[in-house]
Amino acid sequence: PLGNKDTVVLMNLDPVLPSMVAAGLEEYPKMEELTECVRSKNP
């Protein structure tokens, strides 16, 4: 939301796992889902 459809987004694909994910209590989203999430809002 800090940007708009014309904003350029440069994204590093390396996740930093939050403690809950590292402890196996939650799941980190799949990378394809995350890139799709960004692309659906910003080409």
Full PDB file with SEQRES, HELIX, SHEET, SSBOND, CRYST1, ORIGX, SCALE, CONECT and MASTER records, all heavy atoms in Angstrom:
SEQRES   1 A   43  PRO LEU GLY ASN LYS ASP THR VAL VAL LEU MET ASN LEU          
SEQRES   2 A   43  ASP PRO VAL LEU PRO SER MET VAL ALA ALA GLY LEU GLU          
SEQRES   3 A   43  GLU TYR PRO LYS MET GLU GLU LEU THR GLU CYS VAL ARG          
SEQRES   4 A   43  SER LYS ASN PRO                                              
HELIX    1 AA1 SER A   19  ALA A   22  1                                   4    
HELIX    2 AA2 MET A   31  LYS A   41  1                                  11    
CRYST1    1.000    1.000    1.000  90.00  90.00  90.00 P 1           1          
ORIGX1      1.000000  0.000000  0.000000        0.00000                         
ORIGX2      0.000000  1.000000  0.000000        0.00000                         
ORIGX3      0.000000  0.000000  1.000000        0.00000                         
SCALE1      1.000000  0.000000  0.000000        0.00000                         
SCALE2      0.000000  1.000000  0.000000        0.00000                         
SCALE3      0.000000  0.000000  1.000000        0.00000                         
ATOM      1  N   PRO A   1       0.789  -1.233   0.000  1.00  0.00           N  
ATOM      2  CA  PRO A   1       0.000   0.000   0.000  1.00  0.00           C  
ATOM      3  C   PRO A   1       0.828   1.294   0.000  1.00  0.00           C  
ATOM      4  O   PRO A   1       0.294   2.372  -0.257  1.00  0.00           O  
ATOM      5  CB  PRO A   1      -0.842  -0.106   1.280  1.00  0.00           C  
ATOM      6  CG  PRO A   1      -0.943  -1.578   1.541  1.00  0.00           C  
ATOM      7  CD  PRO A   1       0.379  -2.141   1.094  1.00  0.00           C  
ATOM      8  N   LEU A   2       2.135   1.198   0.260  1.00  0.00           N  
ATOM      9  CA  LEU A   2       2.992   2.385   0.198  1.00  0.00           C  
ATOM     10  C   LEU A   2       3.164   2.861  -1.244  1.00  0.00           C  
ATOM     11  O   LEU A   2       3.551   4.005  -1.487  1.00  0.00           O  
ATOM     12  CB  LEU A   2       4.374   2.091   0.798  1.00  0.00           C  
ATOM     13  CG  LEU A   2       4.416   1.736   2.293  1.00  0.00           C  
ATOM     14  CD1 LEU A   2       5.815   1.288   2.691  1.00  0.00           C  
ATOM     15  CD2 LEU A   2       3.971   2.919   3.135  1.00  0.00           C  
ATOM     16  N   GLY A   3       2.899   1.951  -2.199  1.00  0.00           N  
ATOM     17  CA  GLY A   3       3.037   2.292  -3.607  1.00  0.00           C  
ATOM     18  C   GLY A   3       1.705   2.272  -4.324  1.00  0.00           C  
ATOM     19  O   GLY A   3       0.649   2.196  -3.707  1.00  0.00           O  
ATOM     20  N   ASN A   4       1.783   2.343  -5.656  1.00  0.00           N  
ATOM     21  CA  ASN A   4       0.589   2.279  -6.515  1.00  0.00           C  
ATOM     22  C   ASN A   4       0.931   1.423  -7.729  1.00  0.00           C  
ATOM     23  O   ASN A   4       2.003   0.822  -7.771  1.00  0.00           O  
ATOM     24  CB  ASN A   4       0.152   3.703  -6.905  1.00  0.00           C  
ATOM     25  CG  ASN A   4       1.277   4.465  -7.598  1.00  0.00           C  
ATOM     26  OD1 ASN A   4       1.783   4.061  -8.641  1.00  0.00           O  
ATOM     27  ND2 ASN A   4       1.707   5.574  -6.991  1.00  0.00           N  
ATOM     28  N   LYS A   5       0.050   1.375  -8.706  1.00  0.00           N  
ATOM     29  CA  LYS A   5       0.288   0.484  -9.859  1.00  0.00           C  
ATOM     30  C   LYS A   5       1.492   0.892 -10.704  1.00  0.00           C  
ATOM     31  O   LYS A   5       2.006   0.098 -11.486  1.00  0.00           O  
ATOM     32  CB  LYS A   5      -0.971   0.362 -10.729  1.00  0.00           C  
ATOM     33  CG  LYS A   5      -1.406   1.664 -11.372  1.00  0.00           C  
ATOM     34  CD  LYS A   5      -2.626   1.447 -12.244  1.00  0.00           C  
ATOM     35  CE  LYS A   5      -3.165   2.716 -12.863  1.00  0.00           C  
ATOM     36  NZ  LYS A   5      -2.213   3.668 -13.386  1.00  0.00           N  
ATOM     37  N   ASP A   6       1.975   2.134 -10.536  1.00  0.00           N  
ATOM     38  CA  ASP A   6       3.151   2.596 -11.286  1.00  0.00           C  
ATOM     39  C   ASP A   6       4.449   2.468 -10.496  1.00  0.00           C  
ATOM     40  O   ASP A   6       5.531   2.683 -11.031  1.00  0.00           O  
ATOM     41  CB  ASP A   6       2.962   4.060 -11.706  1.00  0.00           C  
ATOM     42  CG  ASP A   6       1.761   4.223 -12.634  1.00  0.00           C  
ATOM     43  OD1 ASP A   6       1.553   3.337 -13.486  1.00  0.00           O  
ATOM     44  OD2 ASP A   6       1.033   5.219 -12.483  1.00  0.00           O  
ATOM     45  N   THR A   7       4.337   2.136  -9.222  1.00  0.00           N  
ATOM     46  CA  THR A   7       5.524   1.995  -8.367  1.00  0.00           C  
ATOM     47  C   THR A   7       6.340   0.783  -8.812  1.00  0.00           C  
ATOM     48  O   THR A   7       5.782  -0.262  -9.136  1.00  0.00           O  
ATOM     49  CB  THR A   7       5.089   1.802  -6.896  1.00  0.00           C  
ATOM     50  OG1 THR A   7       4.327   2.943  -6.490  1.00  0.00           O  
ATOM     51  CG2 THR A   7       6.283   1.642  -5.970  1.00  0.00           C  
ATOM     52  N   VAL A   8       7.645   0.951  -8.848  1.00  0.00           N  
ATOM     53  CA  VAL A   8       8.543  -0.158  -9.162  1.00  0.00           C  
ATOM     54  C   VAL A   8       8.789  -0.930  -7.864  1.00  0.00           C  
ATOM     55  O   VAL A   8       9.068  -0.329  -6.828  1.00  0.00           O  
ATOM     56  CB  VAL A   8       9.881   0.370  -9.730  1.00  0.00           C  
ATOM     57  CG1 VAL A   8      10.842  -0.773  -9.977  1.00  0.00           C  
ATOM     58  CG2 VAL A   8       9.649   1.157 -11.003  1.00  0.00           C  
ATOM     59  N   VAL A   9       8.660  -2.253  -7.921  1.00  0.00           N  
ATOM     60  CA  VAL A   9       8.891  -3.084  -6.731  1.00  0.00           C  
ATOM     61  C   VAL A   9      10.071  -4.018  -7.006  1.00  0.00           C  
ATOM     62  O   VAL A   9      10.026  -4.818  -7.943  1.00  0.00           O  
ATOM     63  CB  VAL A   9       7.636  -3.925  -6.366  1.00  0.00           C  
ATOM     64  CG1 VAL A   9       7.909  -4.777  -5.126  1.00  0.00           C  
ATOM     65  CG2 VAL A   9       6.420  -3.026  -6.147  1.00  0.00           C  
ATOM     66  N   LEU A  10      11.119  -3.872  -6.210  1.00  0.00           N  
ATOM     67  CA  LEU A  10      12.277  -4.771  -6.296  1.00  0.00           C  
ATOM     68  C   LEU A  10      12.251  -5.636  -5.044  1.00  0.00           C  
ATOM     69  O   LEU A  10      12.352  -5.126  -3.935  1.00  0.00           O  
ATOM     70  CB  LEU A  10      13.576  -3.964  -6.372  1.00  0.00           C  
ATOM     71  CG  LEU A  10      14.882  -4.763  -6.353  1.00  0.00           C  
ATOM     72  CD1 LEU A  10      14.968  -5.730  -7.542  1.00  0.00           C  
ATOM     73  CD2 LEU A  10      16.087  -3.837  -6.348  1.00  0.00           C  
ATOM     74  N   MET A  11      12.070  -6.959  -5.223  1.00  0.00           N  
ATOM     75  CA  MET A  11      11.874  -7.847  -4.083  1.00  0.00           C  
ATOM     76  C   MET A  11      12.928  -8.948  -4.020  1.00  0.00           C  
ATOM     77  O   MET A  11      13.111  -9.694  -4.980  1.00  0.00           O  
ATOM     78  CB  MET A  11      10.475  -8.486  -4.156  1.00  0.00           C  
ATOM     79  CG  MET A  11      10.151  -9.408  -2.997  1.00  0.00           C  
ATOM     80  SD  MET A  11       8.397  -9.888  -2.950  1.00  0.00           S  
ATOM     81  CE  MET A  11       8.382 -11.319  -4.036  1.00  0.00           C  
ATOM     82  N   ASN A  12      13.581  -9.037  -2.869  1.00  0.00           N  
ATOM     83  CA  ASN A  12      14.494 -10.140  -2.587  1.00  0.00           C  
ATOM     84  C   ASN A  12      13.652 -11.382  -2.305  1.00  0.00           C  
ATOM     85  O   ASN A  12      12.679 -11.321  -1.557  1.00  0.00           O  
ATOM     86  CB  ASN A  12      15.359  -9.783  -1.368  1.00  0.00           C  
ATOM     87  CG  ASN A  12      16.338 -10.887  -0.997  1.00  0.00           C  
ATOM     88  OD1 ASN A  12      16.596 -11.803  -1.766  1.00  0.00           O  
ATOM     89  ND2 ASN A  12      16.879 -10.791   0.194  1.00  0.00           N  
ATOM     90  N   LEU A  13      14.029 -12.513  -2.891  1.00  0.00           N  
ATOM     91  CA  LEU A  13      13.242 -13.749  -2.739  1.00  0.00           C  
ATOM     92  C   LEU A  13      13.660 -14.610  -1.547  1.00  0.00           C  
ATOM     93  O   LEU A  13      13.167 -15.715  -1.386  1.00  0.00           O  
ATOM     94  CB  LEU A  13      13.351 -14.590  -4.022  1.00  0.00           C  
ATOM     95  CG  LEU A  13      12.708 -13.975  -5.264  1.00  0.00           C  
ATOM     96  CD1 LEU A  13      12.985 -14.841  -6.483  1.00  0.00           C  
ATOM     97  CD2 LEU A  13      11.207 -13.782  -5.071  1.00  0.00           C  
ATOM     98  N   ASP A  14      14.558 -14.102  -0.709  1.00  0.00           N  
ATOM     99  CA  ASP A  14      15.031 -14.902   0.425  1.00  0.00           C  
ATOM    100  C   ASP A  14      14.245 -14.559   1.684  1.00  0.00           C  
ATOM    101  O   ASP A  14      14.339 -13.444   2.190  1.00  0.00           O  
ATOM    102  CB  ASP A  14      16.525 -14.658   0.654  1.00  0.00           C  
ATOM    103  CG  ASP A  14      17.062 -15.573   1.743  1.00  0.00           C  
ATOM    104  OD1 ASP A  14      16.822 -16.790   1.656  1.00  0.00           O  
ATOM    105  OD2 ASP A  14      17.709 -15.065   2.676  1.00  0.00           O  
ATOM    106  N   PRO A  15      13.456 -15.514   2.220  1.00  0.00           N  
ATOM    107  CA  PRO A  15      12.659 -15.214   3.411  1.00  0.00           C  
ATOM    108  C   PRO A  15      13.466 -15.224   4.699  1.00  0.00           C  
ATOM    109  O   PRO A  15      14.448 -15.947   4.816  1.00  0.00           O  
ATOM    110  CB  PRO A  15      11.626 -16.348   3.427  1.00  0.00           C  
ATOM    111  CG  PRO A  15      12.289 -17.480   2.722  1.00  0.00           C  
ATOM    112  CD  PRO A  15      13.241 -16.879   1.723  1.00  0.00           C  
ATOM    113  N   VAL A  16      13.037 -14.390   5.637  1.00  0.00           N  
ATOM    114  CA  VAL A  16      13.548 -14.459   7.006  1.00  0.00           C  
ATOM    115  C   VAL A  16      12.395 -15.023   7.819  1.00  0.00           C  
ATOM    116  O   VAL A  16      11.337 -14.407   7.927  1.00  0.00           O  
ATOM    117  CB  VAL A  16      13.958 -13.069   7.540  1.00  0.00           C  
ATOM    118  CG1 VAL A  16      14.365 -13.164   9.004  1.00  0.00           C  
ATOM    119  CG2 VAL A  16      15.090 -12.494   6.699  1.00  0.00           C  
ATOM    120  N   LEU A  17      12.582 -16.227   8.350  1.00  0.00           N  
ATOM    121  CA  LEU A  17      11.474 -16.907   9.021  1.00  0.00           C  
ATOM    122  C   LEU A  17      11.210 -16.324  10.409  1.00  0.00           C  
ATOM    123  O   LEU A  17      12.120 -16.270  11.238  1.00  0.00           O  
ATOM    124  CB  LEU A  17      11.760 -18.403   9.135  1.00  0.00           C  
ATOM    125  CG  LEU A  17      12.027 -19.147   7.816  1.00  0.00           C  
ATOM    126  CD1 LEU A  17      12.265 -20.627   8.087  1.00  0.00           C  
ATOM    127  CD2 LEU A  17      10.895 -18.959   6.827  1.00  0.00           C  
ATOM    128  N   PRO A  18       9.964 -15.894  10.663  1.00  0.00           N  
ATOM    129  CA  PRO A  18       9.618 -15.431  12.012  1.00  0.00           C  
ATOM    130  C   PRO A  18       9.751 -16.585  13.006  1.00  0.00           C  
ATOM    131  O   PRO A  18       9.706 -17.760  12.622  1.00  0.00           O  
ATOM    132  CB  PRO A  18       8.146 -15.008  11.875  1.00  0.00           C  
ATOM    133  CG  PRO A  18       7.889 -14.883  10.420  1.00  0.00           C  
ATOM    134  CD  PRO A  18       8.851 -15.809   9.732  1.00  0.00           C  
ATOM    135  N   SER A  19       9.900 -16.257  14.281  1.00  0.00           N  
ATOM    136  CA  SER A  19      10.140 -17.276  15.304  1.00  0.00           C  
ATOM    137  C   SER A  19       9.048 -18.346  15.326  1.00  0.00           C  
ATOM    138  O   SER A  19       9.337 -19.529  15.520  1.00  0.00           O  
ATOM    139  CB  SER A  19      10.282 -16.625  16.681  1.00  0.00           C  
ATOM    140  OG  SER A  19       9.138 -15.848  16.971  1.00  0.00           O  
ATOM    141  N   MET A  20       7.787 -17.960  15.110  1.00  0.00           N  
ATOM    142  CA  MET A  20       6.678 -18.933  15.128  1.00  0.00           C  
ATOM    143  C   MET A  20       6.805 -19.938  13.981  1.00  0.00           C  
ATOM    144  O   MET A  20       6.451 -21.108  14.117  1.00  0.00           O  
ATOM    145  CB  MET A  20       5.322 -18.218  15.057  1.00  0.00           C  
ATOM    146  CG  MET A  20       5.024 -17.346  16.265  1.00  0.00           C  
ATOM    147  SD  MET A  20       4.876 -18.264  17.796  1.00  0.00           S  
ATOM    148  CE  MET A  20       3.183 -18.796  17.690  1.00  0.00           C  
ATOM    149  N   VAL A  21       7.330 -19.476  12.839  1.00  0.00           N  
ATOM    150  CA  VAL A  21       7.544 -20.368  11.693  1.00  0.00           C  
ATOM    151  C   VAL A  21       8.745 -21.265  11.976  1.00  0.00           C  
ATOM    152  O   VAL A  21       8.687 -22.483  11.772  1.00  0.00           O  
ATOM    153  CB  VAL A  21       7.754 -19.563  10.389  1.00  0.00           C  
ATOM    154  CG1 VAL A  21       8.124 -20.496   9.235  1.00  0.00           C  
ATOM    155  CG2 VAL A  21       6.504 -18.765  10.046  1.00  0.00           C  
ATOM    156  N   ALA A  22       9.823 -20.655  12.476  1.00  0.00           N  
ATOM    157  CA  ALA A  22      11.039 -21.420  12.798  1.00  0.00           C  
ATOM    158  C   ALA A  22      10.751 -22.509  13.834  1.00  0.00           C  
ATOM    159  O   ALA A  22      11.332 -23.589  13.794  1.00  0.00           O  
ATOM    160  CB  ALA A  22      12.129 -20.483  13.298  1.00  0.00           C  
ATOM    161  N   ALA A  23       9.809 -22.230  14.737  1.00  0.00           N  
ATOM    162  CA  ALA A  23       9.447 -23.204  15.778  1.00  0.00           C  
ATOM    163  C   ALA A  23       8.462 -24.257  15.267  1.00  0.00           C  
ATOM    164  O   ALA A  23       8.112 -25.185  15.991  1.00  0.00           O  
ATOM    165  CB  ALA A  23       8.835 -22.467  16.976  1.00  0.00           C  
ATOM    166  N   GLY A  24       8.026 -24.113  14.007  1.00  0.00           N  
ATOM    167  CA  GLY A  24       7.114 -25.090  13.412  1.00  0.00           C  
ATOM    168  C   GLY A  24       5.656 -24.901  13.803  1.00  0.00           C  
ATOM    169  O   GLY A  24       4.817 -25.759  13.544  1.00  0.00           O  
ATOM    170  N   LEU A  25       5.337 -23.741  14.384  1.00  0.00           N  
ATOM    171  CA  LEU A  25       3.955 -23.495  14.827  1.00  0.00           C  
ATOM    172  C   LEU A  25       3.107 -22.816  13.748  1.00  0.00           C  
ATOM    173  O   LEU A  25       1.887 -22.827  13.819  1.00  0.00           O  
ATOM    174  CB  LEU A  25       3.952 -22.637  16.103  1.00  0.00           C  
ATOM    175  CG  LEU A  25       4.687 -23.265  17.299  1.00  0.00           C  
ATOM    176  CD1 LEU A  25       4.830 -22.259  18.427  1.00  0.00           C  
ATOM    177  CD2 LEU A  25       3.962 -24.513  17.781  1.00  0.00           C  
ATOM    178  N   GLU A  26       3.777 -22.213  12.772  1.00  0.00           N  
ATOM    179  CA  GLU A  26       3.070 -21.572  11.659  1.00  0.00           C  
ATOM    180  C   GLU A  26       3.823 -21.876  10.379  1.00  0.00           C  
ATOM    181  O   GLU A  26       4.970 -22.315  10.414  1.00  0.00           O  
ATOM    182  CB  GLU A  26       2.971 -20.055  11.881  1.00  0.00           C  
ATOM    183  CG  GLU A  26       2.000 -19.663  12.974  1.00  0.00           C  
ATOM    184  CD  GLU A  26       1.923 -18.148  13.169  1.00  0.00           C  
ATOM    185  OE1 GLU A  26       2.421 -17.401  12.309  1.00  0.00           O  
ATOM    186  OE2 GLU A  26       1.362 -17.731  14.194  1.00  0.00           O  
ATOM    187  N   GLU A  27       3.181 -21.614   9.238  1.00  0.00           N  
ATOM    188  CA  GLU A  27       3.833 -21.863   7.951  1.00  0.00           C  
ATOM    189  C   GLU A  27       4.130 -20.559   7.239  1.00  0.00           C  
ATOM    190  O   GLU A  27       3.313 -19.644   7.256  1.00  0.00           O  
ATOM    191  CB  GLU A  27       2.926 -22.726   7.062  1.00  0.00           C  
ATOM    192  CG  GLU A  27       3.267 -24.203   7.126  1.00  0.00           C  
ATOM    193  CD  GLU A  27       2.485 -25.005   6.095  1.00  0.00           C  
ATOM    194  OE1 GLU A  27       2.552 -24.648   4.903  1.00  0.00           O  
ATOM    195  OE2 GLU A  27       1.805 -25.956   6.501  1.00  0.00           O  
ATOM    196  N   TYR A  28       5.285 -20.499   6.620  1.00  0.00           N  
ATOM    197  CA  TYR A  28       5.637 -19.341   5.787  1.00  0.00           C  
ATOM    198  C   TYR A  28       4.956 -19.533   4.428  1.00  0.00           C  
ATOM    199  O   TYR A  28       4.946 -20.646   3.896  1.00  0.00           O  
ATOM    200  CB  TYR A  28       7.158 -19.268   5.619  1.00  0.00           C  
ATOM    201  CG  TYR A  28       7.649 -17.957   5.055  1.00  0.00           C  
ATOM    202  CD1 TYR A  28       7.994 -16.908   5.902  1.00  0.00           C  
ATOM    203  CD2 TYR A  28       7.766 -17.766   3.679  1.00  0.00           C  
ATOM    204  CE1 TYR A  28       8.447 -15.697   5.388  1.00  0.00           C  
ATOM    205  CE2 TYR A  28       8.213 -16.559   3.158  1.00  0.00           C  
ATOM    206  CZ  TYR A  28       8.542 -15.522   4.024  1.00  0.00           C  
ATOM    207  OH  TYR A  28       8.987 -14.326   3.503  1.00  0.00           O  
ATOM    208  N   PRO A  29       4.372 -18.489   3.853  1.00  0.00           N  
ATOM    209  CA  PRO A  29       3.709 -18.643   2.545  1.00  0.00           C  
ATOM    210  C   PRO A  29       4.680 -19.128   1.470  1.00  0.00           C  
ATOM    211  O   PRO A  29       5.879 -18.852   1.547  1.00  0.00           O  
ATOM    212  CB  PRO A  29       3.222 -17.215   2.222  1.00  0.00           C  
ATOM    213  CG  PRO A  29       3.294 -16.472   3.500  1.00  0.00           C  
ATOM    214  CD  PRO A  29       4.330 -17.125   4.351  1.00  0.00           C  
ATOM    215  N   LYS A  30       4.155 -19.813   0.459  1.00  0.00           N  
ATOM    216  CA  LYS A  30       4.995 -20.265  -0.655  1.00  0.00           C  
ATOM    217  C   LYS A  30       5.433 -19.040  -1.474  1.00  0.00           C  
ATOM    218  O   LYS A  30       4.671 -18.093  -1.639  1.00  0.00           O  
ATOM    219  CB  LYS A  30       4.213 -21.236  -1.540  1.00  0.00           C  
ATOM    220  CG  LYS A  30       3.976 -22.582  -0.870  1.00  0.00           C  
ATOM    221  CD  LYS A  30       3.262 -23.536  -1.827  1.00  0.00           C  
ATOM    222  CE  LYS A  30       3.171 -24.936  -1.247  1.00  0.00           C  
ATOM    223  NZ  LYS A  30       2.537 -24.980   0.086  1.00  0.00           N  
ATOM    224  N   MET A  31       6.666 -19.091  -1.984  1.00  0.00           N  
ATOM    225  CA  MET A  31       7.219 -17.955  -2.717  1.00  0.00           C  
ATOM    226  C   MET A  31       6.369 -17.595  -3.942  1.00  0.00           C  
ATOM    227  O   MET A  31       6.174 -16.417  -4.239  1.00  0.00           O  
ATOM    228  CB  MET A  31       8.668 -18.256  -3.130  1.00  0.00           C  
ATOM    229  CG  MET A  31       9.508 -17.027  -3.350  1.00  0.00           C  
ATOM    230  SD  MET A  31       9.438 -15.787  -2.032  1.00  0.00           S  
ATOM    231  CE  MET A  31      10.165 -16.669  -0.674  1.00  0.00           C  
ATOM    232  N   GLU A  32       5.819 -18.618  -4.620  1.00  0.00           N  
ATOM    233  CA  GLU A  32       4.964 -18.340  -5.795  1.00  0.00           C  
ATOM    234  C   GLU A  32       3.741 -17.530  -5.374  1.00  0.00           C  
ATOM    235  O   GLU A  32       3.290 -16.647  -6.107  1.00  0.00           O  
ATOM    236  CB  GLU A  32       4.495 -19.630  -6.484  1.00  0.00           C  
ATOM    237  CG  GLU A  32       5.580 -20.598  -6.894  1.00  0.00           C  
ATOM    238  CD  GLU A  32       6.106 -21.447  -5.738  1.00  0.00           C  
ATOM    239  OE1 GLU A  32       5.327 -22.222  -5.158  1.00  0.00           O  
ATOM    240  OE2 GLU A  32       7.303 -21.323  -5.420  1.00  0.00           O  
ATOM    241  N   GLU A  33       3.197 -17.849  -4.199  1.00  0.00           N  
ATOM    242  CA  GLU A  33       2.027 -17.114  -3.696  1.00  0.00           C  
ATOM    243  C   GLU A  33       2.385 -15.655  -3.417  1.00  0.00           C  
ATOM    244  O   GLU A  33       1.600 -14.749  -3.700  1.00  0.00           O  
ATOM    245  CB  GLU A  33       1.491 -17.761  -2.407  1.00  0.00           C  
ATOM    246  CG  GLU A  33       0.832 -19.114  -2.614  1.00  0.00           C  
ATOM    247  CD  GLU A  33       0.537 -19.819  -1.283  1.00  0.00           C  
ATOM    248  OE1 GLU A  33       0.702 -19.196  -0.213  1.00  0.00           O  
ATOM    249  OE2 GLU A  33       0.147 -20.999  -1.327  1.00  0.00           O  
ATOM    250  N   LEU A  34       3.561 -15.452  -2.862  1.00  0.00           N  
ATOM    251  CA  LEU A  34       3.980 -14.088  -2.532  1.00  0.00           C  
ATOM    252  C   LEU A  34       4.233 -13.257  -3.792  1.00  0.00           C  
ATOM    253  O   LEU A  34       3.800 -12.110  -3.879  1.00  0.00           O  
ATOM    254  CB  LEU A  34       5.235 -14.108  -1.646  1.00  0.00           C  
ATOM    255  CG  LEU A  34       5.025 -14.660  -0.238  1.00  0.00           C  
ATOM    256  CD1 LEU A  34       6.361 -14.819   0.481  1.00  0.00           C  
ATOM    257  CD2 LEU A  34       4.104 -13.761   0.571  1.00  0.00           C  
ATOM    258  N   THR A  35       4.919 -13.849  -4.781  1.00  0.00           N  
ATOM    259  CA  THR A  35       5.171 -13.086  -6.016  1.00  0.00           C  
ATOM    260  C   THR A  35       3.852 -12.833  -6.750  1.00  0.00           C  
ATOM    261  O   THR A  35       3.653 -11.759  -7.305  1.00  0.00           O  
ATOM    262  CB  THR A  35       6.178 -13.801  -6.947  1.00  0.00           C  
ATOM    263  OG1 THR A  35       5.744 -15.133  -7.174  1.00  0.00           O  
ATOM    264  CG2 THR A  35       7.576 -13.800  -6.360  1.00  0.00           C  
ATOM    265  N   GLU A  36       2.939 -13.805  -6.702  1.00  0.00           N  
ATOM    266  CA  GLU A  36       1.621 -13.634  -7.330  1.00  0.00           C  
ATOM    267  C   GLU A  36       0.832 -12.536  -6.616  1.00  0.00           C  
ATOM    268  O   GLU A  36       0.165 -11.716  -7.253  1.00  0.00           O  
ATOM    269  CB  GLU A  36       0.851 -14.961  -7.299  1.00  0.00           C  
ATOM    270  CG  GLU A  36      -0.326 -15.016  -8.254  1.00  0.00           C  
ATOM    271  CD  GLU A  36      -0.065 -14.395  -9.623  1.00  0.00           C  
ATOM    272  OE1 GLU A  36       0.880 -14.789 -10.316  1.00  0.00           O  
ATOM    273  OE2 GLU A  36      -0.834 -13.475  -9.997  1.00  0.00           O  
ATOM    274  N   CYS A  37       0.936 -12.505  -5.286  1.00  0.00           N  
ATOM    275  CA  CYS A  37       0.283 -11.472  -4.468  1.00  0.00           C  
ATOM    276  C   CYS A  37       0.732 -10.082  -4.920  1.00  0.00           C  
ATOM    277  O   CYS A  37      -0.079  -9.183  -5.109  1.00  0.00           O  
ATOM    278  CB  CYS A  37       0.614 -11.699  -2.989  1.00  0.00           C  
ATOM    279  SG  CYS A  37       0.510 -10.230  -1.960  1.00  0.00           S  
ATOM    280  N   VAL A  38       2.052  -9.916  -5.125  1.00  0.00           N  
ATOM    281  CA  VAL A  38       2.577  -8.613  -5.550  1.00  0.00           C  
ATOM    282  C   VAL A  38       2.124  -8.316  -6.978  1.00  0.00           C  
ATOM    283  O   VAL A  38       1.604  -7.237  -7.254  1.00  0.00           O  
ATOM    284  CB  VAL A  38       4.120  -8.560  -5.447  1.00  0.00           C  
ATOM    285  CG1 VAL A  38       4.647  -7.232  -5.971  1.00  0.00           C  
ATOM    286  CG2 VAL A  38       4.564  -8.765  -4.002  1.00  0.00           C  
ATOM    287  N   ARG A  39       2.302  -9.289  -7.882  1.00  0.00           N  
ATOM    288  CA  ARG A  39       1.958  -9.062  -9.302  1.00  0.00           C  
ATOM    289  C   ARG A  39       0.478  -8.739  -9.509  1.00  0.00           C  
ATOM    290  O   ARG A  39       0.125  -7.999 -10.416  1.00  0.00           O  
ATOM    291  CB  ARG A  39       2.338 -10.278 -10.144  1.00  0.00           C  
ATOM    292  CG  ARG A  39       3.801 -10.313 -10.465  1.00  0.00           C  
ATOM    293  CD  ARG A  39       4.138 -11.032 -11.757  1.00  0.00           C  
ATOM    294  NE  ARG A  39       5.584 -10.917 -11.962  1.00  0.00           N  
ATOM    295  CZ  ARG A  39       6.466 -11.805 -11.526  1.00  0.00           C  
ATOM    296  NH1 ARG A  39       6.062 -12.883 -10.877  1.00  0.00           N  
ATOM    297  NH2 ARG A  39       7.749 -11.623 -11.737  1.00  0.00           N  
ATOM    298  N   SER A  40      -0.392  -9.303  -8.661  1.00  0.00           N  
ATOM    299  CA  SER A  40      -1.829  -9.046  -8.813  1.00  0.00           C  
ATOM    300  C   SER A  40      -2.161  -7.576  -8.508  1.00  0.00           C  
ATOM    301  O   SER A  40      -3.167  -7.047  -8.956  1.00  0.00           O  
ATOM    302  CB  SER A  40      -2.637  -9.960  -7.890  1.00  0.00           C  
ATOM    303  OG  SER A  40      -2.427  -9.606  -6.533  1.00  0.00           O  
ATOM    304  N   LYS A  41      -1.294  -6.920  -7.742  1.00  0.00           N  
ATOM    305  CA  LYS A  41      -1.526  -5.519  -7.389  1.00  0.00           C  
ATOM    306  C   LYS A  41      -0.586  -4.568  -8.124  1.00  0.00           C  
ATOM    307  O   LYS A  41      -0.834  -3.373  -8.212  1.00  0.00           O  
ATOM    308  CB  LYS A  41      -1.358  -5.328  -5.878  1.00  0.00           C  
ATOM    309  CG  LYS A  41      -2.424  -6.043  -5.064  1.00  0.00           C  
ATOM    310  CD  LYS A  41      -2.158  -5.952  -3.583  1.00  0.00           C  
ATOM    311  CE  LYS A  41      -3.265  -6.554  -2.751  1.00  0.00           C  
ATOM    312  NZ  LYS A  41      -3.669  -7.897  -3.121  1.00  0.00           N  
ATOM    313  N   ASN A  42       0.522  -5.121  -8.611  1.00  0.00           N  
ATOM    314  CA  ASN A  42       1.522  -4.278  -9.241  1.00  0.00           C  
ATOM    315  C   ASN A  42       2.280  -5.058 -10.319  1.00  0.00           C  
ATOM    316  O   ASN A  42       2.976  -6.017 -10.007  1.00  0.00           O  
ATOM    317  CB  ASN A  42       2.501  -3.769  -8.171  1.00  0.00           C  
ATOM    318  CG  ASN A  42       3.492  -2.777  -8.721  1.00  0.00           C  
ATOM    319  OD1 ASN A  42       4.123  -3.025  -9.739  1.00  0.00           O  
ATOM    320  ND2 ASN A  42       3.636  -1.649  -8.064  1.00  0.00           N  
ATOM    321  N   PRO A  43       2.149  -4.631 -11.573  1.00  0.00           N  
ATOM    322  CA  PRO A  43       2.796  -5.364 -12.670  1.00  0.00           C  
ATOM    323  C   PRO A  43       4.299  -5.101 -12.771  1.00  0.00           C  
ATOM    324  O   PRO A  43       4.994  -5.752 -13.538  1.00  0.00           O  
ATOM    325  CB  PRO A  43       2.076  -4.841 -13.917  1.00  0.00           C  
ATOM    326  CG  PRO A  43       1.647  -3.450 -13.533  1.00  0.00           C  
ATOM    327  CD  PRO A  43       1.380  -3.475 -12.058  1.00  0.00           C  
TER     328      PRO A  43                                                      
MASTER        0    0    0    2    0    0    0    6  327    1    0    4          
END                                                                             
